[in-house]
Amino acid sequence: MKNKKINLAIFLLSVLALGISLKLFYNMAIYSDEFNSSPALISGGEFWSIMDWLRLALLVGISILSGVKLLKK
């Protein structure tokens, strides 16, 4: 039972982190569109723009894996 609570907590925290990151990414896209800028310029360069995409991909992966682990048991 304790293990299931830990898995649920990991899943909820990963989904929460994904939601926050998606909202921040969406706000950056709106800002760059309104002020005729680019996401790479706002992020601090092309490298950091790629790191933003990588963070989103990793959070999606963690959310999926923790959800599968939660539902598997």
N, C-alpha and C. Protein backbone atom coordinates (compact mmCIF):
# COMPACT_ATOMS: atom_id res chain seq x y z
N MET A 1 0.83 -1.20 0.00
CA MET A 1 0.00 0.00 0.00
C MET A 1 0.87 1.26 0.00
N LYS A 2 1.97 1.22 0.77
CA LYS A 2 2.85 2.38 0.85
C LYS A 2 3.50 2.66 -0.51
N ASN A 3 3.85 1.59 -1.24
CA ASN A 3 4.47 1.73 -2.55
C ASN A 3 3.51 2.39 -3.54
N LYS A 4 2.24 2.05 -3.44
CA LYS A 4 1.24 2.63 -4.35
C LYS A 4 1.08 4.13 -4.09
N LYS A 5 1.15 4.54 -2.83
CA LYS A 5 1.05 5.96 -2.49
C LYS A 5 2.24 6.74 -3.04
N ILE A 6 3.42 6.13 -2.97
CA ILE A 6 4.61 6.79 -3.51
C ILE A 6 4.49 6.92 -5.03
N ASN A 7 4.03 5.87 -5.70
CA ASN A 7 3.84 5.92 -7.15
C ASN A 7 2.81 6.97 -7.54
N LEU A 8 1.75 7.08 -6.75
CA LEU A 8 0.73 8.09 -7.02
C LEU A 8 1.29 9.49 -6.84
N ALA A 9 2.09 9.69 -5.79
CA ALA A 9 2.69 11.00 -5.55
C ALA A 9 3.65 11.38 -6.68
N ILE A 10 4.44 10.43 -7.14
CA ILE A 10 5.36 10.70 -8.26
C ILE A 10 4.58 11.05 -9.51
N PHE A 11 3.52 10.33 -9.78
CA PHE A 11 2.70 10.62 -10.96
C PHE A 11 2.08 12.00 -10.87
N LEU A 12 1.49 12.33 -9.73
CA LEU A 12 0.85 13.64 -9.59
C LEU A 12 1.86 14.79 -9.69
N LEU A 13 3.01 14.63 -9.07
CA LEU A 13 4.03 15.67 -9.15
C LEU A 13 4.58 15.83 -10.56
N SER A 14 4.75 14.74 -11.29
CA SER A 14 5.25 14.84 -12.66
C SER A 14 4.22 15.48 -13.58
N VAL A 15 2.95 15.17 -13.38
CA VAL A 15 1.90 15.79 -14.19
C VAL A 15 1.79 17.29 -13.85
N LEU A 16 1.93 17.63 -12.58
CA LEU A 16 1.91 19.03 -12.17
C LEU A 16 3.08 19.80 -12.79
N ALA A 17 4.28 19.22 -12.75
CA ALA A 17 5.45 19.86 -13.34
C ALA A 17 5.28 20.01 -14.85
N LEU A 18 4.68 19.00 -15.50
CA LEU A 18 4.42 19.09 -16.94
C LEU A 18 3.44 20.21 -17.24
N GLY A 19 2.39 20.32 -16.44
CA GLY A 19 1.40 21.38 -16.66
C GLY A 19 2.00 22.76 -16.50
N ILE A 20 2.83 22.95 -15.49
CA ILE A 20 3.48 24.25 -15.28
C ILE A 20 4.42 24.57 -16.44
N SER A 21 5.19 23.59 -16.89
CA SER A 21 6.11 23.81 -18.00
C SER A 21 5.38 24.12 -19.30
N LEU A 22 4.28 23.43 -19.53
CA LEU A 22 3.49 23.71 -20.74
C LEU A 22 2.91 25.12 -20.71
N LYS A 23 2.43 25.55 -19.55
CA LYS A 23 1.88 26.90 -19.42
C LYS A 23 2.96 27.95 -19.65
N LEU A 24 4.14 27.75 -19.08
CA LEU A 24 5.24 28.69 -19.29
C LEU A 24 5.67 28.72 -20.75
N PHE A 25 5.71 27.56 -21.39
CA PHE A 25 6.07 27.48 -22.80
C PHE A 25 5.04 28.20 -23.66
N TYR A 26 3.77 28.03 -23.32
CA TYR A 26 2.68 28.70 -24.05
C TYR A 26 2.78 30.22 -23.88
N ASN A 27 3.06 30.69 -22.66
CA ASN A 27 3.21 32.12 -22.43
C ASN A 27 4.39 32.69 -23.20
N MET A 28 5.48 31.92 -23.30
CA MET A 28 6.64 32.38 -24.07
C MET A 28 6.27 32.49 -25.55
N ALA A 29 5.48 31.56 -26.04
CA ALA A 29 5.06 31.61 -27.45
C ALA A 29 4.17 32.83 -27.72
N ILE A 30 3.28 33.13 -26.80
CA ILE A 30 2.42 34.31 -26.95
C ILE A 30 3.26 35.58 -26.93
N TYR A 31 4.20 35.68 -26.00
CA TYR A 31 5.06 36.85 -25.89
C TYR A 31 5.88 37.04 -27.17
N SER A 32 6.46 35.94 -27.67
CA SER A 32 7.30 36.07 -28.87
C SER A 32 6.46 36.45 -30.08
N ASP A 33 5.22 36.02 -30.14
CA ASP A 33 4.34 36.39 -31.25
C ASP A 33 3.92 37.85 -31.16
N GLU A 34 3.58 38.32 -29.97
CA GLU A 34 3.10 39.69 -29.82
C GLU A 34 4.20 40.72 -30.02
N PHE A 35 5.42 40.40 -29.64
CA PHE A 35 6.51 41.36 -29.73
C PHE A 35 7.48 41.05 -30.87
N ASN A 36 7.05 40.23 -31.83
CA ASN A 36 7.82 39.89 -33.02
C ASN A 36 9.24 39.45 -32.67
N SER A 37 9.33 38.54 -31.74
CA SER A 37 10.61 38.01 -31.29
C SER A 37 10.64 36.53 -31.62
N SER A 38 11.65 35.85 -31.14
CA SER A 38 11.73 34.41 -31.35
C SER A 38 11.90 33.71 -30.01
N PRO A 39 11.41 32.48 -29.90
CA PRO A 39 11.58 31.75 -28.64
C PRO A 39 13.06 31.54 -28.28
N ALA A 40 13.91 31.40 -29.29
CA ALA A 40 15.34 31.23 -29.02
C ALA A 40 15.92 32.50 -28.40
N LEU A 41 15.48 33.64 -28.84
CA LEU A 41 15.96 34.90 -28.28
C LEU A 41 15.47 35.07 -26.84
N ILE A 42 14.25 34.68 -26.58
CA ILE A 42 13.69 34.80 -25.23
C ILE A 42 14.37 33.81 -24.28
N SER A 43 14.66 32.61 -24.77
CA SER A 43 15.28 31.59 -23.93
C SER A 43 16.74 31.88 -23.64
N GLY A 44 17.37 32.69 -24.45
CA GLY A 44 18.78 32.99 -24.24
C GLY A 44 19.68 32.36 -25.27
N GLY A 45 19.13 31.89 -26.34
CA GLY A 45 19.92 31.29 -27.41
C GLY A 45 19.30 29.99 -27.89
N GLU A 46 19.85 29.51 -28.99
CA GLU A 46 19.33 28.29 -29.61
C GLU A 46 19.51 27.07 -28.69
N PHE A 47 20.65 27.02 -27.98
CA PHE A 47 20.90 25.89 -27.07
C PHE A 47 19.83 25.81 -25.99
N TRP A 48 19.49 26.94 -25.38
CA TRP A 48 18.50 26.93 -24.31
C TRP A 48 17.09 26.69 -24.83
N SER A 49 16.85 27.07 -26.07
CA SER A 49 15.57 26.75 -26.68
C SER A 49 15.43 25.23 -26.86
N ILE A 50 16.51 24.59 -27.27
CA ILE A 50 16.51 23.13 -27.41
C ILE A 50 16.35 22.49 -26.04
N MET A 51 16.96 23.07 -25.01
CA MET A 51 16.82 22.53 -23.65
C MET A 51 15.39 22.65 -23.15
N ASP A 52 14.68 23.72 -23.54
CA ASP A 52 13.26 23.84 -23.19
C ASP A 52 12.45 22.70 -23.80
N TRP A 53 12.70 22.40 -25.07
CA TRP A 53 12.01 21.30 -25.73
C TRP A 53 12.36 19.96 -25.08
N LEU A 54 13.64 19.81 -24.72
CA LEU A 54 14.07 18.57 -24.07
C LEU A 54 13.41 18.41 -22.71
N ARG A 55 13.29 19.50 -21.96
CA ARG A 55 12.61 19.44 -20.66
C ARG A 55 11.16 18.98 -20.83
N LEU A 56 10.47 19.53 -21.82
CA LEU A 56 9.09 19.11 -22.07
C LEU A 56 9.02 17.63 -22.45
N ALA A 57 9.93 17.19 -23.29
CA ALA A 57 9.93 15.78 -23.70
C ALA A 57 10.21 14.86 -22.51
N LEU A 58 11.15 15.24 -21.67
CA LEU A 58 11.46 14.42 -20.50
C LEU A 58 10.29 14.38 -19.51
N LEU A 59 9.61 15.50 -19.32
CA LEU A 59 8.46 15.51 -18.43
C LEU A 59 7.31 14.67 -18.97
N VAL A 60 7.11 14.70 -20.27
CA VAL A 60 6.09 13.83 -20.88
C VAL A 60 6.46 12.37 -20.66
N GLY A 61 7.73 12.03 -20.88
CA GLY A 61 8.18 10.66 -20.69
C GLY A 61 8.03 10.19 -19.25
N ILE A 62 8.42 11.06 -18.31
CA ILE A 62 8.29 10.70 -16.89
C ILE A 62 6.83 10.53 -16.52
N SER A 63 5.97 11.40 -17.02
CA SER A 63 4.54 11.30 -16.70
C SER A 63 3.95 10.00 -17.25
N ILE A 64 4.31 9.65 -18.46
CA ILE A 64 3.79 8.42 -19.06
C ILE A 64 4.31 7.19 -18.31
N LEU A 65 5.60 7.17 -18.04
CA LEU A 65 6.17 6.01 -17.35
C LEU A 65 5.62 5.86 -15.93
N SER A 66 5.48 6.96 -15.22
CA SER A 66 4.94 6.84 -13.87
C SER A 66 3.46 6.47 -13.89
N GLY A 67 2.72 6.92 -14.90
CA GLY A 67 1.32 6.52 -15.03
C GLY A 67 1.18 5.05 -15.35
N VAL A 68 2.04 4.54 -16.22
CA VAL A 68 2.01 3.11 -16.56
C VAL A 68 2.37 2.28 -15.34
N LYS A 69 3.38 2.72 -14.58
CA LYS A 69 3.77 1.99 -13.38
C LYS A 69 2.66 1.99 -12.33
N LEU A 70 1.96 3.12 -12.24
CA LEU A 70 0.86 3.22 -11.28
C LEU A 70 -0.28 2.29 -11.65
N LEU A 71 -0.62 2.21 -12.93
CA LEU A 71 -1.74 1.39 -13.38
C LEU A 71 -1.38 -0.08 -13.53
N LYS A 72 -0.08 -0.38 -13.62
CA LYS A 72 0.34 -1.77 -13.82
C LYS A 72 0.07 -2.62 -12.58
N LYS A 73 0.21 -2.03 -11.41
CA LYS A 73 0.06 -2.83 -10.18
C LYS A 73 -1.34 -2.94 -9.71
